[in-house]
PDB file of N, CA and C in Angstrom:
ATOM      1  N   UNK A   1      92.599 104.417 -10.922  1.00  0.00           N
ATOM      2  CA  UNK A   1      92.625 103.871 -12.269  1.00  0.00           C
ATOM      3  C   UNK A   1      93.629 104.670 -13.098  1.00  0.00           C
ATOM      4  N   UNK A   2      94.459 103.970 -13.842  1.00  0.00           N
ATOM      5  CA  UNK A   2      95.449 104.594 -14.714  1.00  0.00           C
ATOM      6  C   UNK A   2      94.777 105.026 -16.006  1.00  0.00           C
ATOM      7  N   UNK A   3      94.771 106.331 -16.277  1.00  0.00           N
ATOM      8  CA  UNK A   3      94.103 106.833 -17.475  1.00  0.00           C
ATOM      9  C   UNK A   3      94.792 106.398 -18.754  1.00  0.00           C
ATOM     10  N   UNK A   4      96.001 105.866 -18.646  1.00  0.00           N
ATOM     11  CA  UNK A   4      96.717 105.381 -19.830  1.00  0.00           C
ATOM     12  C   UNK A   4      96.426 103.913 -20.112  1.00  0.00           C
ATOM     13  N   UNK A   5      95.650 103.277 -19.259  1.00  0.00           N
ATOM     14  CA  UNK A   5      95.337 101.863 -19.433  1.00  0.00           C
ATOM     15  C   UNK A   5      93.844 101.632 -19.249  1.00  0.00           C
ATOM     16  N   UNK A   6      93.056 102.236 -20.115  1.00  0.00           N
ATOM     17  CA  UNK A   6      91.607 102.102 -20.043  1.00  0.00           C
ATOM     18  C   UNK A   6      91.110 101.053 -21.028  1.00  0.00           C
ATOM     19  N   UNK A   7      90.063 100.362 -20.643  1.00  0.00           N
ATOM     20  CA  UNK A   7      89.341  99.485 -21.547  1.00  0.00           C
ATOM     21  C   UNK A   7      87.896  99.944 -21.548  1.00  0.00           C
ATOM     22  N   UNK A   8      87.378 100.210 -22.741  1.00  0.00           N
ATOM     23  CA  UNK A   8      85.994 100.654 -22.855  1.00  0.00           C
ATOM     24  C   UNK A   8      85.254  99.736 -23.815  1.00  0.00           C
ATOM     25  N   UNK A   9      83.959  99.572 -23.571  1.00  0.00           N
ATOM     26  CA  UNK A   9      83.123  98.710 -24.407  1.00  0.00           C
ATOM     27  C   UNK A   9      81.940  99.506 -24.946  1.00  0.00           C
ATOM     28  N   UNK A  10      81.636  99.226 -26.217  1.00  0.00           N
ATOM     29  CA  UNK A  10      80.539  99.895 -26.916  1.00  0.00           C
ATOM     30  C   UNK A  10      79.769  98.829 -27.682  1.00  0.00           C
ATOM     31  N   UNK A  11      78.441  98.830 -27.586  1.00  0.00           N
ATOM     32  CA  UNK A  11      77.666  97.769 -28.228  1.00  0.00           C
ATOM     33  C   UNK A  11      76.554  98.311 -29.118  1.00  0.00           C
ATOM     34  N   UNK A  12      76.233  97.521 -30.146  1.00  0.00           N
ATOM     35  CA  UNK A  12      75.058  97.816 -30.974  1.00  0.00           C
ATOM     36  C   UNK A  12      73.944  96.827 -30.666  1.00  0.00           C
ATOM     37  N   UNK A  13      74.135  96.013 -29.647  1.00  0.00           N
ATOM     38  CA  UNK A  13      73.158  94.994 -29.260  1.00  0.00           C
ATOM     39  C   UNK A  13      73.573  93.608 -29.723  1.00  0.00           C
ATOM     40  N   UNK A  14      74.191  93.508 -30.899  1.00  0.00           N
ATOM     41  CA  UNK A  14      74.640  92.224 -31.433  1.00  0.00           C
ATOM     42  C   UNK A  14      76.118  91.964 -31.159  1.00  0.00           C
ATOM     43  N   UNK A  15      76.910  93.022 -31.250  1.00  0.00           N
ATOM     44  CA  UNK A  15      78.349  92.896 -31.080  1.00  0.00           C
ATOM     45  C   UNK A  15      78.821  94.013 -30.149  1.00  0.00           C
ATOM     46  N   UNK A  16      79.818  93.712 -29.333  1.00  0.00           N
ATOM     47  CA  UNK A  16      80.425  94.707 -28.458  1.00  0.00           C
ATOM     48  C   UNK A  16      81.849  94.956 -28.915  1.00  0.00           C
ATOM     49  N   UNK A  17      82.165  96.217 -29.169  1.00  0.00           N
ATOM     50  CA  UNK A  17      83.517  96.626 -29.521  1.00  0.00           C
ATOM     51  C   UNK A  17      84.265  96.893 -28.216  1.00  0.00           C
ATOM     52  N   UNK A  18      85.452  96.324 -28.092  1.00  0.00           N
ATOM     53  CA  UNK A  18      86.288  96.525 -26.917  1.00  0.00           C
ATOM     54  C   UNK A  18      87.516  97.307 -27.363  1.00  0.00           C
ATOM     55  N   UNK A  19      87.751  98.452 -26.727  1.00  0.00           N
ATOM     56  CA  UNK A  19      88.888  99.315 -27.076  1.00  0.00           C
ATOM     57  C   UNK A  19      89.809  99.461 -25.885  1.00  0.00           C
ATOM     58  N   UNK A  20      91.084  99.156 -26.101  1.00  0.00           N
ATOM     59  CA  UNK A  20      92.117  99.301 -25.067  1.00  0.00           C
ATOM     60  C   UNK A  20      93.055 100.424 -25.492  1.00  0.00           C
ATOM     61  N   UNK A  21      92.927 101.559 -24.820  1.00  0.00           N
ATOM     62  CA  UNK A  21      93.685 102.733 -25.259  1.00  0.00           C
ATOM     63  C   UNK A  21      95.193 102.556 -25.143  1.00  0.00           C
ATOM     64  N   UNK A  22      95.674 101.746 -24.207  1.00  0.00           N
ATOM     65  CA  UNK A  22      97.117 101.564 -24.041  1.00  0.00           C
ATOM     66  C   UNK A  22      97.745 100.876 -25.251  1.00  0.00           C
ATOM     67  N   UNK A  23      96.956 100.113 -26.000  1.00  0.00           N
ATOM     68  CA  UNK A  23      97.474  99.400 -27.174  1.00  0.00           C
ATOM     69  C   UNK A  23      97.343 100.213 -28.457  1.00  0.00           C
ATOM     70  N   UNK A  24      96.503 101.233 -28.440  1.00  0.00           N
ATOM     71  CA  UNK A  24      96.187 101.978 -29.658  1.00  0.00           C
ATOM     72  C   UNK A  24      97.412 102.717 -30.197  1.00  0.00           C
ATOM     73  N   UNK A  25      97.709 102.480 -31.476  1.00  0.00           N
ATOM     74  CA  UNK A  25      98.837 103.135 -32.143  1.00  0.00           C
ATOM     75  C   UNK A  25      98.370 104.278 -33.040  1.00  0.00           C
ATOM     76  N   UNK A  26      97.087 104.567 -33.010  1.00  0.00           N
ATOM     77  CA  UNK A  26      96.504 105.675 -33.768  1.00  0.00           C
ATOM     78  C   UNK A  26      96.802 105.587 -35.268  1.00  0.00           C
ATOM     79  N   UNK A  27      96.756 104.373 -35.788  1.00  0.00           N
ATOM     80  CA  UNK A  27      96.950 104.161 -37.229  1.00  0.00           C
ATOM     81  C   UNK A  27      95.734 104.643 -38.014  1.00  0.00           C
ATOM     82  N   UNK A  28      94.617 104.809 -37.338  1.00  0.00           N
ATOM     83  CA  UNK A  28      93.354 105.312 -37.903  1.00  0.00           C
ATOM     84  C   UNK A  28      92.734 104.376 -38.934  1.00  0.00           C
ATOM     85  N   UNK A  29      93.103 103.107 -38.913  1.00  0.00           N
ATOM     86  CA  UNK A  29      92.475 102.142 -39.828  1.00  0.00           C
ATOM     87  C   UNK A  29      90.985 102.031 -39.542  1.00  0.00           C
ATOM     88  N   UNK A  30      90.600 102.121 -38.287  1.00  0.00           N
ATOM     89  CA  UNK A  30      89.182 102.044 -37.929  1.00  0.00           C
ATOM     90  C   UNK A  30      88.421 103.224 -38.536  1.00  0.00           C
ATOM     91  N   UNK A  31      88.998 104.413 -38.431  1.00  0.00           N
ATOM     92  CA  UNK A  31      88.357 105.614 -38.967  1.00  0.00           C
ATOM     93  C   UNK A  31      88.269 105.537 -40.487  1.00  0.00           C
ATOM     94  N   UNK A  32      89.324 105.090 -41.127  1.00  0.00           N
ATOM     95  CA  UNK A  32      89.348 104.982 -42.594  1.00  0.00           C
ATOM     96  C   UNK A  32      88.344 103.948 -43.094  1.00  0.00           C
ATOM     97  N   UNK A  33      88.209 102.841 -42.373  1.00  0.00           N
ATOM     98  CA  UNK A  33      87.366 101.741 -42.830  1.00  0.00           C
ATOM     99  C   UNK A  33      85.901 101.851 -42.411  1.00  0.00           C
ATOM    100  N   UNK A  34      85.612 102.604 -41.360  1.00  0.00           N
ATOM    101  CA  UNK A  34      84.229 102.706 -40.892  1.00  0.00           C
ATOM    102  C   UNK A  34      84.012 104.048 -40.176  1.00  0.00           C
ATOM    103  N   UNK A  35      84.058 105.149 -40.932  1.00  0.00           N
ATOM    104  CA  UNK A  35      83.939 106.473 -40.308  1.00  0.00           C
ATOM    105  C   UNK A  35      82.576 106.763 -39.683  1.00  0.00           C
ATOM    106  N   UNK A  36      81.560 105.972 -40.018  1.00  0.00           N
ATOM    107  CA  UNK A  36      80.256 106.154 -39.380  1.00  0.00           C
ATOM    108  C   UNK A  36      80.281 105.713 -37.919  1.00  0.00           C
ATOM    109  N   UNK A  37      81.182 104.805 -37.587  1.00  0.00           N
ATOM    110  CA  UNK A  37      81.294 104.278 -36.223  1.00  0.00           C
ATOM    111  C   UNK A  37      82.410 104.962 -35.449  1.00  0.00           C
ATOM    112  N   UNK A  38      83.563 105.095 -36.072  1.00  0.00           N
ATOM    113  CA  UNK A  38      84.751 105.591 -35.381  1.00  0.00           C
ATOM    114  C   UNK A  38      84.952 107.076 -35.697  1.00  0.00           C
ATOM    115  N   UNK A  39      84.634 107.914 -34.698  1.00  0.00           N
ATOM    116  CA  UNK A  39      84.650 109.372 -34.863  1.00  0.00           C
ATOM    117  C   UNK A  39      85.545 109.973 -33.779  1.00  0.00           C
ATOM    118  N   UNK A  40      86.845 110.074 -34.054  1.00  0.00           N
ATOM    119  CA  UNK A  40      87.793 110.469 -33.014  1.00  0.00           C
ATOM    120  C   UNK A  40      87.597 111.870 -32.444  1.00  0.00           C
ATOM    121  N   UNK A  41      86.845 112.718 -33.099  1.00  0.00           N
ATOM    122  CA  UNK A  41      86.629 114.076 -32.587  1.00  0.00           C
ATOM    123  C   UNK A  41      85.411 114.175 -31.684  1.00  0.00           C
ATOM    124  N   UNK A  42      84.717 113.053 -31.491  1.00  0.00           N
ATOM    125  CA  UNK A  42      83.521 113.041 -30.641  1.00  0.00           C
ATOM    126  C   UNK A  42      83.782 112.259 -29.357  1.00  0.00           C
ATOM    127  N   UNK A  43      82.950 112.499 -28.360  1.00  0.00           N
ATOM    128  CA  UNK A  43      82.988 111.722 -27.115  1.00  0.00           C
ATOM    129  C   UNK A  43      81.568 111.265 -26.814  1.00  0.00           C
ATOM    130  N   UNK A  44      81.298 109.994 -26.686  1.00  0.00           N
ATOM    131  CA  UNK A  44      82.236 108.904 -26.962  1.00  0.00           C
ATOM    132  C   UNK A  44      82.591 108.863 -28.445  1.00  0.00           C
ATOM    133  N   UNK A  45      83.722 108.289 -28.747  1.00  0.00           N
ATOM    134  CA  UNK A  45      84.199 108.323 -30.133  1.00  0.00           C
ATOM    135  C   UNK A  45      83.801 107.097 -30.944  1.00  0.00           C
ATOM    136  N   UNK A  46      83.222 106.099 -30.298  1.00  0.00           N
ATOM    137  CA  UNK A  46      82.782 104.887 -30.991  1.00  0.00           C
ATOM    138  C   UNK A  46      81.260 104.803 -30.926  1.00  0.00           C
ATOM    139  N   UNK A  47      80.632 104.673 -32.119  1.00  0.00           N
ATOM    140  CA  UNK A  47      79.167 104.646 -32.238  1.00  0.00           C
ATOM    141  C   UNK A  47      78.740 103.391 -33.011  1.00  0.00           C
ATOM    142  N   UNK A  48      78.721 102.225 -32.366  1.00  0.00           N
ATOM    143  CA  UNK A  48      78.425 100.980 -33.075  1.00  0.00           C
ATOM    144  C   UNK A  48      77.016 100.898 -33.646  1.00  0.00           C
ATOM    145  N   UNK A  49      76.105 101.706 -33.149  1.00  0.00           N
ATOM    146  CA  UNK A  49      74.741 101.693 -33.665  1.00  0.00           C
ATOM    147  C   UNK A  49      74.657 102.238 -35.093  1.00  0.00           C
ATOM    148  N   UNK A  50      75.739 102.824 -35.584  1.00  0.00           N
ATOM    149  CA  UNK A  50      75.746 103.423 -36.914  1.00  0.00           C
ATOM    150  C   UNK A  50      76.203 102.482 -38.025  1.00  0.00           C
ATOM    151  N   UNK A  51      76.355 101.187 -37.728  1.00  0.00           N
ATOM    152  CA  UNK A  51      76.892 100.271 -38.735  1.00  0.00           C
ATOM    153  C   UNK A  51      76.352  98.867 -38.515  1.00  0.00           C
ATOM    154  N   UNK A  52      76.521  98.060 -39.546  1.00  0.00           N
ATOM    155  CA  UNK A  52      76.131  96.649 -39.416  1.00  0.00           C
ATOM    156  C   UNK A  52      77.182  95.901 -38.591  1.00  0.00           C
ATOM    157  N   UNK A  53      76.747  94.834 -37.976  1.00  0.00           N
ATOM    158  CA  UNK A  53      77.656  94.000 -37.194  1.00  0.00           C
ATOM    159  C   UNK A  53      78.780  93.462 -38.065  1.00  0.00           C
ATOM    160  N   UNK A  54      78.466  93.031 -39.277  1.00  0.00           N
ATOM    161  CA  UNK A  54      79.495  92.491 -40.174  1.00  0.00           C
ATOM    162  C   UNK A  54      80.562  93.534 -40.486  1.00  0.00           C
ATOM    163  N   UNK A  55      80.143  94.752 -40.775  1.00  0.00           N
ATOM    164  CA  UNK A  55      81.119  95.797 -41.100  1.00  0.00           C
ATOM    165  C   UNK A  55      81.967  96.151 -39.874  1.00  0.00           C
ATOM    166  N   UNK A  56      81.364  96.147 -38.696  1.00  0.00           N
ATOM    167  CA  UNK A  56      82.117  96.397 -37.461  1.00  0.00           C
ATOM    168  C   UNK A  56      83.183  95.323 -37.282  1.00  0.00           C
ATOM    169  N   UNK A  57      82.812  94.062 -37.437  1.00  0.00           N
ATOM    170  CA  UNK A  57      83.765  92.961 -37.277  1.00  0.00           C
ATOM    171  C   UNK A  57      84.891  93.081 -38.301  1.00  0.00           C
ATOM    172  N   UNK A  58      84.543  93.362 -39.548  1.00  0.00           N
ATOM    173  CA  UNK A  58      85.563  93.525 -40.593  1.00  0.00           C
ATOM    174  C   UNK A  58      86.525  94.659 -40.240  1.00  0.00           C
ATOM    175  N   UNK A  59      86.002  95.760 -39.733  1.00  0.00           N
ATOM    176  CA  UNK A  59      86.830  96.906 -39.368  1.00  0.00           C
ATOM    177  C   UNK A  59      87.730  96.583 -38.186  1.00  0.00           C
ATOM    178  N   UNK A  60      87.170  95.983 -37.146  1.00  0.00           N
ATOM    179  CA  UNK A  60      87.954  95.637 -35.956  1.00  0.00           C
ATOM    180  C   UNK A  60      89.089  94.674 -36.327  1.00  0.00           C
ATOM    181  N   UNK A  61      88.810  93.750 -37.230  1.00  0.00           N
ATOM    182  CA  UNK A  61      89.842  92.787 -37.635  1.00  0.00           C
ATOM    183  C   UNK A  61      90.998  93.441 -38.394  1.00  0.00           C
ATOM    184  N   UNK A  62      90.831  94.670 -38.854  1.00  0.00           N
ATOM    185  CA  UNK A  62      91.895  95.391 -39.562  1.00  0.00           C
ATOM    186  C   UNK A  62      92.755  96.236 -38.628  1.00  0.00           C
ATOM    187  N   UNK A  63      92.436  96.258 -37.351  1.00  0.00           N
ATOM    188  CA  UNK A  63      93.198  97.065 -36.388  1.00  0.00           C
ATOM    189  C   UNK A  63      94.608  96.483 -36.251  1.00  0.00           C
ATOM    190  N   UNK A  64      95.645  97.242 -36.646  1.00  0.00           N
ATOM    191  CA  UNK A  64      96.998  96.694 -36.641  1.00  0.00           C
ATOM    192  C   UNK A  64      97.613  96.525 -35.250  1.00  0.00           C
ATOM    193  N   UNK A  65      97.091  97.228 -34.264  1.00  0.00           N
ATOM    194  CA  UNK A  65      97.698  97.186 -32.935  1.00  0.00           C
ATOM    195  C   UNK A  65      97.031  96.201 -31.978  1.00  0.00           C
ATOM    196  N   UNK A  66      95.840  95.745 -32.334  1.00  0.00           N
ATOM    197  CA  UNK A  66      95.093  94.884 -31.418  1.00  0.00           C
ATOM    198  C   UNK A  66      94.353  95.667 -30.346  1.00  0.00           C
ATOM    199  N   UNK A  67      94.314  96.996 -30.476  1.00  0.00           N
ATOM    200  CA  UNK A  67      93.608  97.816 -29.494  1.00  0.00           C
ATOM    201  C   UNK A  67      92.100  97.597 -29.576  1.00  0.00           C
ATOM    202  N   UNK A  68      91.616  97.225 -30.750  1.00  0.00           N
ATOM    203  CA  UNK A  68      90.194  96.945 -30.940  1.00  0.00           C
ATOM    204  C   UNK A  68      89.979  95.440 -31.055  1.00  0.00           C
ATOM    205  N   UNK A  69      89.050  94.938 -30.269  1.00  0.00           N
ATOM    206  CA  UNK A  69      88.600  93.558 -30.381  1.00  0.00           C
ATOM    207  C   UNK A  69      87.077  93.607 -30.290  1.00  0.00           C
ATOM    208  N   UNK A  70      86.456  92.462 -30.406  1.00  0.00           N
ATOM    209  CA  UNK A  70      84.995  92.435 -30.293  1.00  0.00           C
ATOM    210  C   UNK A  70      84.562  91.138 -29.651  1.00  0.00           C
ATOM    211  N   UNK A  71      83.342  91.138 -29.156  1.00  0.00           N
ATOM    212  CA  UNK A  71      82.706  89.915 -28.676  1.00  0.00           C
ATOM    213  C   UNK A  71      81.259  89.952 -29.117  1.00  0.00           C
ATOM    214  N   UNK A  72      80.764  88.793 -29.488  1.00  0.00           N
ATOM    215  CA  UNK A  72      79.360  88.686 -29.868  1.00  0.00           C
ATOM    216  C   UNK A  72      78.515  88.603 -28.601  1.00  0.00           C
ATOM    217  N   UNK A  73      77.387  89.285 -28.618  1.00  0.00           N
ATOM    218  CA  UNK A  73      76.492  89.281 -27.470  1.00  0.00           C
ATOM    219  C   UNK A  73      75.548  88.091 -27.577  1.00  0.00           C
ATOM    220  N   UNK A  74      75.326  87.441 -26.455  1.00  0.00           N
ATOM    221  CA  UNK A  74      74.402  86.306 -26.424  1.00  0.00           C
ATOM    222  C   UNK A  74      72.979  86.826 -26.290  1.00  0.00           C
ATOM    223  N   UNK A  75      72.093  86.301 -27.110  1.00  0.00           N
ATOM    224  CA  UNK A  75      70.678  86.671 -27.033  1.00  0.00           C
ATOM    225  C   UNK A  75      69.894  85.413 -26.705  1.00  0.00           C
ATOM    226  N   UNK A  76      69.783  85.141 -25.432  1.00  0.00           N
ATOM    227  CA  UNK A  76      69.097  83.910 -24.998  1.00  0.00           C
ATOM    228  C   UNK A  76      67.698  84.215 -24.582  1.00  0.00           C
TER     229      UNK A  76
END
């Protein structure tokens, strides 16, 4: 596996954040907009359980590089 092309997923149960490190431009918009979730000095650095689904979606949609996307989880 190429460590420069990782895709990781983090979920709060309702929404899953998908992060692709190869696309990340480190603009830090995620950290600025939702520091309770995006904590670059921690591992793992994404903590979706610390925020509402709406705020996570709003934050992910502000990612200028497209490194962050999301998918809604099905609860059937």
